[in-house]
N, C-alpha and C. Protein backbone atom coordinates (compact mmCIF):
# COMPACT_ATOMS: atom_id res chain seq x y z
N MET A 1 -13.04 18.10 50.00
CA MET A 1 -13.15 16.66 49.86
C MET A 1 -14.54 16.25 49.37
N ASN A 2 -15.53 17.09 49.56
CA ASN A 2 -16.89 16.69 49.20
C ASN A 2 -17.13 16.67 47.70
N GLN A 3 -16.18 17.16 46.90
CA GLN A 3 -16.34 17.11 45.45
C GLN A 3 -15.87 15.78 44.87
N LEU A 4 -15.32 14.91 45.70
CA LEU A 4 -14.85 13.61 45.24
C LEU A 4 -16.02 12.65 45.09
N THR A 5 -15.93 11.78 44.07
CA THR A 5 -16.93 10.72 43.94
C THR A 5 -16.72 9.73 45.09
N ALA A 6 -17.67 8.85 45.26
CA ALA A 6 -17.57 7.84 46.31
C ALA A 6 -16.31 6.98 46.12
N ARG A 7 -16.02 6.60 44.89
CA ARG A 7 -14.84 5.77 44.62
C ARG A 7 -13.56 6.56 44.86
N GLU A 8 -13.54 7.84 44.43
CA GLU A 8 -12.37 8.67 44.69
C GLU A 8 -12.14 8.85 46.18
N ALA A 9 -13.22 9.01 46.93
CA ALA A 9 -13.10 9.14 48.39
C ALA A 9 -12.53 7.86 48.99
N GLU A 10 -12.96 6.73 48.46
CA GLU A 10 -12.44 5.44 48.93
C GLU A 10 -10.94 5.34 48.63
N VAL A 11 -10.54 5.74 47.42
CA VAL A 11 -9.13 5.73 47.04
C VAL A 11 -8.36 6.70 47.93
N MET A 12 -8.91 7.89 48.17
CA MET A 12 -8.23 8.89 48.98
C MET A 12 -8.01 8.38 50.40
N ASN A 13 -8.99 7.69 50.95
CA ASN A 13 -8.82 7.12 52.29
C ASN A 13 -7.67 6.12 52.31
N LEU A 14 -7.52 5.36 51.25
CA LEU A 14 -6.42 4.39 51.18
C LEU A 14 -5.08 5.10 51.01
N VAL A 15 -5.08 6.20 50.26
CA VAL A 15 -3.86 7.00 50.12
C VAL A 15 -3.46 7.56 51.48
N VAL A 16 -4.42 8.09 52.21
CA VAL A 16 -4.16 8.64 53.55
C VAL A 16 -3.64 7.53 54.47
N SER A 17 -4.12 6.32 54.27
CA SER A 17 -3.66 5.19 55.08
C SER A 17 -2.25 4.76 54.74
N GLY A 18 -1.69 5.33 53.67
CA GLY A 18 -0.31 5.04 53.31
C GLY A 18 -0.12 4.03 52.20
N LEU A 19 -1.21 3.60 51.56
CA LEU A 19 -1.09 2.64 50.48
C LEU A 19 -0.60 3.32 49.20
N ASN A 20 0.22 2.60 48.43
CA ASN A 20 0.64 3.12 47.14
C ASN A 20 -0.34 2.63 46.07
N ASN A 21 -0.14 3.07 44.83
CA ASN A 21 -1.08 2.71 43.76
C ASN A 21 -1.22 1.20 43.58
N LEU A 22 -0.11 0.49 43.65
CA LEU A 22 -0.16 -0.97 43.48
C LEU A 22 -0.99 -1.61 44.58
N GLU A 23 -0.80 -1.17 45.81
CA GLU A 23 -1.57 -1.72 46.93
C GLU A 23 -3.04 -1.36 46.81
N ILE A 24 -3.34 -0.16 46.33
CA ILE A 24 -4.74 0.25 46.15
C ILE A 24 -5.40 -0.60 45.08
N PHE A 25 -4.70 -0.80 43.96
CA PHE A 25 -5.25 -1.60 42.87
C PHE A 25 -5.53 -3.03 43.34
N GLU A 26 -4.64 -3.58 44.13
CA GLU A 26 -4.84 -4.94 44.64
C GLU A 26 -6.00 -5.01 45.64
N LYS A 27 -6.11 -4.01 46.49
CA LYS A 27 -7.16 -4.00 47.52
C LYS A 27 -8.55 -3.81 46.90
N LEU A 28 -8.65 -2.94 45.89
CA LEU A 28 -9.95 -2.62 45.30
C LEU A 28 -10.28 -3.48 44.08
N CYS A 29 -9.33 -4.31 43.66
CA CYS A 29 -9.54 -5.17 42.48
C CYS A 29 -9.90 -4.35 41.24
N ILE A 30 -9.15 -3.27 41.03
CA ILE A 30 -9.31 -2.45 39.84
C ILE A 30 -7.96 -2.41 39.12
N SER A 31 -7.95 -2.01 37.87
CA SER A 31 -6.70 -2.00 37.11
C SER A 31 -5.77 -0.89 37.61
N THR A 32 -4.51 -1.04 37.29
CA THR A 32 -3.54 -0.01 37.66
C THR A 32 -3.87 1.29 36.94
N HIS A 33 -4.34 1.19 35.71
CA HIS A 33 -4.72 2.39 34.96
C HIS A 33 -5.86 3.13 35.66
N THR A 34 -6.85 2.39 36.11
CA THR A 34 -7.99 3.00 36.82
C THR A 34 -7.53 3.64 38.12
N THR A 35 -6.65 2.96 38.82
CA THR A 35 -6.11 3.52 40.07
C THR A 35 -5.41 4.84 39.80
N LYS A 36 -4.55 4.87 38.79
CA LYS A 36 -3.84 6.10 38.44
C LYS A 36 -4.81 7.19 38.02
N ALA A 37 -5.85 6.82 37.29
CA ALA A 37 -6.85 7.81 36.85
C ALA A 37 -7.58 8.41 38.06
N HIS A 38 -7.94 7.57 39.03
CA HIS A 38 -8.61 8.08 40.24
C HIS A 38 -7.68 9.04 41.00
N VAL A 39 -6.43 8.65 41.18
CA VAL A 39 -5.48 9.49 41.91
C VAL A 39 -5.27 10.81 41.18
N SER A 40 -5.14 10.75 39.87
CA SER A 40 -4.97 11.97 39.07
C SER A 40 -6.18 12.89 39.20
N SER A 41 -7.36 12.31 39.14
CA SER A 41 -8.59 13.09 39.29
C SER A 41 -8.68 13.73 40.67
N ILE A 42 -8.28 12.99 41.68
CA ILE A 42 -8.26 13.52 43.05
C ILE A 42 -7.34 14.73 43.13
N TYR A 43 -6.14 14.61 42.57
CA TYR A 43 -5.19 15.73 42.58
C TYR A 43 -5.81 16.97 41.94
N LYS A 44 -6.44 16.78 40.77
CA LYS A 44 -7.05 17.91 40.07
C LYS A 44 -8.15 18.56 40.91
N LYS A 45 -9.01 17.72 41.48
CA LYS A 45 -10.13 18.25 42.27
C LYS A 45 -9.66 18.96 43.53
N LEU A 46 -8.56 18.47 44.11
CA LEU A 46 -8.04 19.10 45.33
C LEU A 46 -7.08 20.24 45.03
N GLY A 47 -6.67 20.37 43.76
CA GLY A 47 -5.75 21.43 43.39
C GLY A 47 -4.35 21.21 43.91
N VAL A 48 -3.93 19.93 43.92
CA VAL A 48 -2.59 19.58 44.40
C VAL A 48 -1.82 18.85 43.31
N THR A 49 -0.52 18.68 43.53
CA THR A 49 0.31 18.06 42.51
C THR A 49 0.97 16.76 42.96
N ASN A 50 0.77 16.38 44.22
CA ASN A 50 1.39 15.13 44.68
C ASN A 50 0.64 14.55 45.87
N ARG A 51 1.02 13.33 46.22
CA ARG A 51 0.38 12.59 47.30
C ARG A 51 0.47 13.28 48.65
N VAL A 52 1.64 13.81 48.94
CA VAL A 52 1.84 14.45 50.24
C VAL A 52 0.86 15.61 50.41
N LEU A 53 0.75 16.45 49.39
CA LEU A 53 -0.17 17.58 49.47
C LEU A 53 -1.62 17.12 49.54
N ALA A 54 -1.94 16.06 48.82
CA ALA A 54 -3.31 15.52 48.86
C ALA A 54 -3.64 15.03 50.26
N VAL A 55 -2.71 14.31 50.87
CA VAL A 55 -2.93 13.80 52.22
C VAL A 55 -3.05 14.95 53.22
N LYS A 56 -2.17 15.95 53.08
CA LYS A 56 -2.24 17.10 53.99
C LYS A 56 -3.59 17.79 53.88
N GLN A 57 -4.09 17.95 52.66
CA GLN A 57 -5.38 18.60 52.48
C GLN A 57 -6.50 17.74 53.02
N ALA A 58 -6.42 16.45 52.81
CA ALA A 58 -7.45 15.54 53.33
C ALA A 58 -7.50 15.61 54.86
N ILE A 59 -6.34 15.62 55.48
CA ILE A 59 -6.28 15.69 56.94
C ILE A 59 -6.79 17.05 57.42
N ALA A 60 -6.40 18.11 56.73
CA ALA A 60 -6.85 19.45 57.11
C ALA A 60 -8.37 19.58 57.00
N ASN A 61 -8.94 18.87 56.03
CA ASN A 61 -10.39 18.90 55.85
C ASN A 61 -11.08 17.77 56.60
N LYS A 62 -10.31 17.09 57.45
CA LYS A 62 -10.83 16.01 58.29
C LYS A 62 -11.57 14.95 57.50
N LEU A 63 -11.05 14.68 56.30
CA LEU A 63 -11.62 13.64 55.43
C LEU A 63 -13.14 13.78 55.34
N LYS A 64 -13.58 14.93 54.91
CA LYS A 64 -15.01 15.21 54.82
C LYS A 64 -15.64 14.46 53.65
N ASN A 65 -15.33 13.20 53.56
CA ASN A 65 -15.91 12.39 52.51
C ASN A 65 -16.79 11.29 53.10
N ASP A 66 -17.13 11.42 54.35
CA ASP A 66 -17.96 10.41 55.00
C ASP A 66 -19.29 10.23 54.28
N LYS A 67 -19.84 11.32 53.72
CA LYS A 67 -21.11 11.20 53.05
C LYS A 67 -20.99 10.35 51.78
N ALA A 68 -19.78 10.28 51.22
CA ALA A 68 -19.55 9.46 50.04
C ALA A 68 -19.68 7.98 50.37
N LYS A 69 -19.50 7.63 51.64
CA LYS A 69 -19.60 6.24 52.07
C LYS A 69 -21.04 5.83 52.34
N ASP A 70 -21.92 6.81 52.54
CA ASP A 70 -23.33 6.50 52.87
C ASP A 70 -24.05 5.89 51.69
């Protein structure tokens, strides 16, 4: 999780919270395209192919993105 940018970590936390792309875009006031790009980048960095696997990995790594929030 530490390879994620601060914004990707923020998006990942929202994904873990159960938000879909539309809800993330509305919450962060970013375009749907940007939301999809962040999610796609997260998948690549985590080496996963879907939301469920991304969430499982985030939980397994205990969301080690706290430093991204600092």
